[in-house]
Protein backbone atom coordinates (compact mmCIF):
# COMPACT_ATOMS: atom_id res chain seq x y z
CA MET A 1 -27.07 -9.05 -5.16
CA MET A 2 -26.73 -12.84 -5.04
CA ASN A 3 -25.20 -14.93 -7.80
CA VAL A 4 -25.65 -18.67 -7.67
CA TYR A 5 -23.41 -21.17 -9.46
CA ARG A 6 -23.66 -24.90 -10.07
CA ILE A 7 -21.74 -27.48 -12.06
CA ARG A 8 -22.91 -28.12 -15.60
CA ASN A 9 -20.81 -30.36 -17.88
CA GLY A 10 -17.82 -29.96 -15.59
CA ILE A 11 -18.00 -26.14 -15.78
CA LEU A 12 -19.06 -23.71 -13.08
CA ALA A 13 -22.19 -22.14 -14.57
CA ALA A 14 -24.35 -19.34 -13.25
CA VAL A 15 -27.92 -20.18 -12.36
CA PRO A 16 -30.36 -17.94 -14.28
CA SER A 17 -31.95 -15.39 -12.00
CA ALA A 18 -35.40 -16.50 -13.10
CA GLU A 19 -34.89 -19.96 -11.60
CA THR A 20 -35.90 -20.44 -8.03
CA GLN A 21 -34.74 -24.03 -7.56
CA VAL A 22 -31.09 -23.87 -6.54
CA GLN A 23 -30.86 -26.97 -4.36
CA ASP A 24 -28.11 -28.31 -6.66
CA ALA A 25 -26.12 -25.09 -6.39
CA LEU A 26 -22.50 -25.31 -5.35
CA TRP A 27 -21.62 -21.66 -4.68
CA TYR A 28 -23.69 -18.74 -3.41
CA ASP A 29 -21.88 -15.45 -3.99
CA LEU A 30 -23.49 -12.59 -2.07
CA LEU A 31 -22.30 -9.09 -3.02
CA ASN A 32 -23.81 -6.26 -0.97
CA PRO A 33 -26.74 -8.56 -0.13
CA SER A 34 -30.10 -7.46 1.18
CA GLN A 35 -31.58 -8.93 4.33
CA GLU A 36 -33.85 -11.09 2.19
CA GLU A 37 -30.89 -12.50 0.25
CA LEU A 38 -29.00 -13.21 3.47
CA ALA A 39 -32.01 -15.04 4.86
CA ALA A 40 -32.47 -17.03 1.64
CA ALA A 41 -28.82 -18.10 1.52
CA GLY A 42 -28.95 -19.03 5.19
CA ALA A 43 -32.05 -21.14 4.60
CA TRP A 44 -30.44 -23.00 1.69
CA LEU A 45 -27.30 -23.66 3.72
CA GLY A 46 -29.19 -24.39 6.92
CA LEU A 47 -27.41 -21.81 9.07
CA ALA A 48 -27.48 -18.12 10.03
CA MET A 49 -25.33 -15.80 7.91
CA PRO A 50 -23.26 -13.15 9.77
CA SER A 51 -23.96 -9.45 9.39
CA HIS A 52 -21.37 -6.99 8.09
CA ALA A 53 -20.74 -5.81 11.64
CA ASP A 54 -20.13 -9.40 12.76
CA MET A 55 -17.67 -9.88 9.90
CA GLN A 56 -15.66 -6.83 10.98
CA GLU A 57 -14.94 -8.15 14.46
CA ILE A 58 -11.17 -8.38 14.87
CA GLU A 59 -11.03 -11.26 17.35
CA ALA A 60 -9.79 -14.51 15.84
CA SER A 61 -12.71 -16.36 17.42
CA SER A 62 -15.12 -14.06 15.57
CA ARG A 63 -13.44 -14.56 12.20
CA LEU A 64 -12.69 -18.29 12.32
CA TYR A 65 -15.32 -20.53 13.90
CA GLN A 66 -17.72 -23.44 13.40
CA GLU A 67 -21.45 -23.10 13.93
CA ASP A 68 -24.52 -25.12 12.94
CA GLY A 69 -22.40 -27.52 10.93
CA GLY A 70 -20.77 -24.75 8.92
CA LEU A 71 -17.22 -23.48 8.79
CA PHE A 72 -17.04 -19.65 8.89
CA MET A 73 -13.77 -18.04 7.76
CA THR A 74 -13.28 -14.30 7.32
CA ALA A 75 -10.29 -12.67 5.62
CA VAL A 76 -9.31 -9.14 4.65
CA ILE A 77 -9.24 -8.79 0.85
CA LEU A 78 -7.83 -5.91 -1.22
CA SER A 79 -9.88 -4.03 -3.79
CA ASN A 80 -9.43 -1.06 -6.14
CA THR A 81 -5.67 -1.54 -6.07
CA GLU A 82 -5.25 0.28 -9.39
CA SER A 83 -6.84 3.47 -8.06
CA GLU A 84 -5.40 6.24 -5.91
CA THR A 85 -7.52 5.05 -2.98
CA PRO A 86 -7.12 1.26 -2.66
CA GLY A 87 -9.35 -0.39 -0.14
CA ALA A 88 -9.49 -3.50 1.98
CA ASP A 89 -12.54 -5.09 3.54
CA VAL A 90 -13.56 -8.38 5.07
CA VAL A 91 -14.92 -11.27 3.02
CA THR A 92 -16.49 -14.27 4.72
CA PHE A 93 -16.24 -17.78 3.27
CA VAL A 94 -18.73 -20.34 4.55
CA LEU A 95 -18.35 -24.08 3.90
CA ALA A 96 -21.43 -26.04 4.90
CA ARG A 97 -23.07 -29.25 3.71
CA GLY A 98 -20.96 -29.50 0.59
CA LYS A 99 -21.71 -25.92 -0.47
CA LEU A 100 -19.76 -22.66 -0.43
CA ALA A 101 -21.10 -19.18 0.33
CA THR A 102 -19.10 -15.98 -0.01
CA LEU A 103 -20.35 -12.88 1.72
CA ARG A 104 -18.71 -9.62 0.65
CA TYR A 105 -19.28 -5.89 0.42
CA ILE A 106 -16.48 -5.21 -2.06
CA ASP A 107 -15.85 -6.47 -5.58
CA PRO A 108 -12.20 -7.61 -5.80
CA HIS A 109 -10.73 -8.23 -9.23
CA ALA A 110 -9.72 -11.75 -8.13
CA PHE A 111 -13.35 -12.94 -8.07
CA ARG A 112 -13.80 -12.00 -11.72
CA THR A 113 -10.47 -13.64 -12.56
CA PHE A 114 -11.53 -16.87 -10.88
CA LEU A 115 -14.86 -16.93 -12.72
CA ALA A 116 -13.04 -16.45 -16.04
CA ARG A 117 -10.70 -19.35 -15.21
CA ALA A 118 -13.61 -21.55 -14.19
CA ASP A 119 -15.45 -20.70 -17.38
CA ARG A 120 -12.41 -21.82 -19.40
CA GLY A 121 -12.20 -25.00 -17.35
CA THR A 122 -8.64 -24.31 -16.17
CA VAL A 123 -9.47 -24.87 -12.48
CA ARG A 124 -11.14 -27.81 -10.77
CA VAL A 125 -14.49 -26.83 -9.31
CA GLY A 126 -16.17 -30.16 -8.68
CA ALA A 127 -16.57 -29.52 -4.94
CA ALA A 128 -17.14 -26.53 -2.70
CA ASP A 129 -13.68 -26.68 -1.12
CA GLN A 130 -12.14 -26.79 -4.60
CA VAL A 131 -14.05 -23.62 -5.48
CA LEU A 132 -12.74 -21.98 -2.31
CA GLY A 133 -9.20 -23.14 -3.08
CA GLY A 134 -9.47 -21.68 -6.56
CA LEU A 135 -10.78 -18.39 -5.17
CA LEU A 136 -7.93 -18.14 -2.69
CA ASP A 137 -5.46 -18.98 -5.45
CA ALA A 138 -6.83 -16.15 -7.61
CA ILE A 139 -6.71 -13.73 -4.68
CA ILE A 140 -3.09 -14.59 -3.90
CA ASP A 141 -2.10 -14.34 -7.58
CA ARG A 142 -3.68 -10.92 -7.72
CA MET A 143 -1.78 -9.77 -4.64
CA ALA A 144 1.46 -11.06 -6.14
CA ASP A 145 0.81 -8.92 -9.24
CA VAL A 146 0.06 -5.89 -7.07
CA LEU A 147 3.22 -6.44 -5.02
CA GLU A 148 5.30 -6.64 -8.21
CA ARG A 149 3.81 -3.33 -9.34
CA ILE A 150 4.55 -1.75 -5.96
CA SER A 151 8.16 -2.98 -6.17
CA ASP A 152 8.56 -1.46 -9.65
CA ASP A 153 7.01 1.83 -8.53
CA VAL A 154 9.23 2.00 -5.44
CA GLU A 155 12.28 1.36 -7.63
CA GLY A 156 11.22 4.23 -9.88
CA ILE A 157 10.80 6.52 -6.87
CA SER A 158 14.27 5.51 -5.70
CA HIS A 159 15.73 6.63 -9.04
CA ARG A 160 13.90 9.95 -8.70
CA ILE A 161 15.36 10.49 -5.24
CA PHE A 162 18.97 9.50 -5.91
CA ALA A 163 19.34 10.61 -9.53
CA ALA A 164 22.87 11.97 -10.08
CA ASN A 165 21.56 14.75 -12.34
CA PRO A 166 17.96 15.37 -11.35
CA GLY A 167 17.53 17.87 -14.18
CA GLY A 168 15.97 20.49 -11.94
CA GLN A 169 14.57 20.76 -8.47
CA ARG A 170 13.21 17.45 -7.21
CA ASP A 171 9.60 17.35 -6.05
CA PHE A 172 10.25 16.05 -2.57
CA PRO A 173 6.66 16.66 -1.29
CA GLY A 174 5.34 14.67 -4.27
CA ILE A 175 7.85 11.90 -3.61
CA LEU A 176 6.77 11.68 0.03
CA ARG A 177 3.11 11.47 -1.02
CA ASP A 178 3.93 8.66 -3.48
CA LEU A 179 5.87 6.77 -0.82
CA GLY A 180 3.03 7.23 1.65
CA ARG A 181 0.54 5.71 -0.79
CA LYS A 182 2.83 2.75 -1.49
CA ASN A 183 3.37 2.23 2.22
CA ASP A 184 -0.39 2.29 2.85
CA LEU A 185 -1.04 -0.27 0.11
CA THR A 186 1.81 -2.49 1.32
CA GLY A 187 0.42 -2.41 4.85
CA LYS A 188 -3.04 -3.39 3.64
CA MET A 189 -1.50 -6.20 1.62
CA ARG A 190 0.38 -7.59 4.62
CA GLN A 191 -2.82 -7.50 6.68
CA SER A 192 -4.64 -9.35 3.90
CA LEU A 193 -1.91 -11.99 3.49
CA VAL A 194 -1.85 -12.72 7.22
CA SER A 195 -5.63 -13.11 7.38
CA ILE A 196 -5.72 -15.38 4.30
CA GLY A 197 -2.95 -17.50 5.79
CA ARG A 198 -5.06 -17.97 8.91
CA VAL A 199 -8.05 -18.97 6.79
CA ILE A 200 -5.99 -21.59 4.96
CA SER A 201 -4.60 -23.00 8.20
CA TYR A 202 -8.04 -23.12 9.81
CA MET A 203 -9.59 -24.69 6.74
CA THR A 204 -6.92 -27.38 6.61
CA GLU A 205 -7.17 -28.23 10.30
CA ASN A 206 -10.92 -28.10 10.86
CA SER A 207 -12.78 -28.86 7.66
CA THR A 208 -13.81 -32.22 6.28
CA LEU A 209 -12.53 -31.94 2.75
CA SER A 210 -14.10 -33.57 -0.27
CA GLU A 211 -12.99 -36.70 -2.04
CA GLY A 212 -9.84 -35.25 -3.54
CA SER A 213 -8.66 -34.25 -0.07
CA ARG A 214 -5.02 -35.14 -0.69
CA GLU A 215 -4.87 -32.92 -3.77
CA ILE A 216 -6.74 -30.10 -2.02
CA ARG A 217 -4.45 -30.24 1.02
CA ALA A 218 -1.43 -30.14 -1.28
CA HIS A 219 -2.92 -27.11 -3.02
CA LEU A 220 -3.55 -25.38 0.30
CA LYS A 221 0.01 -26.12 1.40
CA THR A 222 1.29 -24.54 -1.82
CA LEU A 223 -0.87 -21.47 -1.15
CA SER A 224 0.59 -21.22 2.36
CA THR A 225 4.10 -21.28 0.90
CA ASP A 226 3.14 -18.58 -1.60
CA ILE A 227 1.73 -16.43 1.17
CA GLN A 228 4.93 -16.74 3.19
CA SER A 229 7.07 -15.76 0.20
CA LEU A 230 4.84 -12.75 -0.46
CA LEU A 231 5.05 -11.74 3.20
CA ASP A 232 8.84 -11.91 3.04
CA HIS A 233 8.94 -9.81 -0.11
CA SER A 234 6.44 -7.31 1.27
CA SER A 235 8.67 -6.94 4.36
CA TYR A 236 11.57 -6.07 2.05
CA VAL A 237 9.43 -3.57 0.14
CA ALA A 238 8.14 -2.00 3.38
CA GLY A 239 11.73 -1.68 4.65
CA LYS A 240 12.82 -0.03 1.42
CA ILE A 241 9.90 2.39 1.56
CA ASN A 242 10.86 3.38 5.11
CA TYR A 243 14.47 3.85 4.02
CA LEU A 244 13.44 6.03 1.08
CA GLN A 245 11.22 8.11 3.34
CA ASP A 246 14.14 8.69 5.73
CA ALA A 247 16.47 9.45 2.81
CA THR A 248 14.00 11.95 1.35
CA LEU A 249 13.63 13.73 4.68
CA GLY A 250 17.44 13.76 4.99
CA LEU A 251 17.82 15.35 1.55
CA ILE A 252 15.18 17.94 2.44
CA ASN A 253 17.19 18.80 5.57
CA ILE A 254 20.36 19.06 3.49
CA ASP A 255 18.68 21.47 1.08
CA GLN A 256 17.35 23.54 3.96
CA ASN A 257 20.78 23.61 5.60
CA ASN A 258 22.34 24.76 2.32
CA ILE A 259 19.86 27.61 2.12
CA ILE A 260 20.56 28.61 5.72
CA LYS A 261 24.30 28.37 5.07
CA ILE A 262 24.06 30.68 2.07
CA MET A 263 22.06 33.18 4.08
CA SER A 264 24.57 33.00 6.94
CA VAL A 265 27.49 33.53 4.57
CA ALA A 266 25.70 36.43 2.93
CA ALA A 267 25.20 37.98 6.35
CA MET A 268 28.90 37.53 7.16
CA VAL A 269 29.91 38.99 3.80
CA PHE A 270 27.87 42.14 4.28
CA LEU A 271 28.66 42.55 7.98
CA PRO A 272 32.10 44.21 7.51
CA PRO A 273 30.87 46.73 4.91
CA THR A 274 27.98 47.54 7.22
CA LEU A 275 30.43 48.09 10.06
CA PHE A 276 32.63 50.47 8.06
CA ALA A 277 29.63 52.28 6.62
CA SER A 278 28.32 52.76 10.13
CA ILE A 279 31.67 54.15 11.32
CA TRP A 280 31.92 56.70 8.50
CA GLY A 281 28.26 57.42 8.75
CA MET A 282 28.68 58.78 12.30
CA ASN A 283 29.85 62.13 10.86
CA PHE A 284 32.28 63.18 13.64
CA ARG A 285 33.61 66.68 13.14
CA ASP A 286 37.23 65.63 13.61
CA MET A 287 37.00 62.55 11.36
CA PRO A 288 39.88 63.36 8.93
CA GLU A 289 38.64 61.15 6.10
CA LEU A 290 35.59 63.36 5.74
CA HIS A 291 37.77 66.35 4.71
CA LEU A 292 40.14 64.53 2.38
CA TRP A 293 39.38 64.36 -1.33
CA TRP A 294 40.23 60.67 -1.40
CA GLY A 295 38.19 59.85 1.74
CA TYR A 296 35.09 58.65 -0.08
CA PRO A 297 36.95 56.49 -2.65
CA MET A 298 38.96 54.98 0.19
CA ALA A 299 35.80 54.15 2.19
CA ALA A 300 34.12 52.61 -0.87
CA ALA A 301 37.21 50.54 -1.64
CA ILE A 302 37.47 49.27 1.95
CA MET A 303 33.80 48.29 1.98
CA VAL A 304 34.16 46.40 -1.29
CA ALA A 305 37.33 44.70 -0.10
CA SER A 306 35.74 43.78 3.23
CA ALA A 307 33.02 41.97 1.29
CA ILE A 308 35.33 40.23 -1.19
CA VAL A 309 37.91 38.99 1.32
CA PRO A 310 35.47 36.96 3.49
CA TYR A 311 33.90 35.54 0.33
CA LEU A 312 37.27 34.34 -0.95
CA ILE A 313 38.15 32.87 2.45
CA PHE A 314 34.86 30.96 2.64
CA LYS A 315 35.29 29.80 -0.94
CA ARG A 316 38.78 28.50 -0.28
CA LYS A 317 37.66 26.60 2.82
CA GLY A 318 34.86 24.97 0.84
CA TRP A 319 32.07 26.54 2.83
CA LEU A 320 30.36 27.76 -0.35
């Protein structure tokens, strides 16, 4: 699908799909495009659009380059962050001949947010690089919101782990699964922030910006500062997640050790009675206790005492 936008009365307006003349278009947004749509966008921009496989190349030279008068910049963008299976995929931004093309195979929430802002006229979209700056701004804002939610969730998990009175057995496997999901999302976010930071740096250094270049460069510098602050905070969150994972594993080991300790103490408690029962159970003919009327009560009393005495000793030493 390809959506085309142009400026009408200072607002970024979508070109009706029935229109075929889009020479005055400012932004071509290609979402899961067909080969025909890729070819059409490439013809309008006067360059060859990369394939999805080309976009996924990890070399910096394959993600940030100039070709045929166009500036190609690819970044990793998050999507479906509200779901249990958040994703991240590459999105390519192409600046060429005063136009912007975005090539993507995911539908991040930030794109819809940017379009809503542009429709309200709260962002400047008079030039292609301004549109790209607004898109990057919306993407970074979205990641900041996601990072705040991750921080709140991690804080809640911390309370679950270290609660003074848990009110029952804590679900440590569930806690580890929750931490694993937060760690995965945080890792994807850091990857995305780094790639967007590279796009901003490359755009600033290599592109010929439009007439409001000073304002655009100031905006890009602000975005770079925001990215750095988010990276710092995500490092803190990632460190806390790792700490909570280690703490959870430590508490699991403590619980397991307590169980083993109780079993060991139980074995020690019942060992003396077993010993005495084995002695009197040998049934020697000359064993005098077997012929005395008080032999059985004496044996039972010794077995009970041999169980109670070790228990009291362990209790006094704080082993129980």
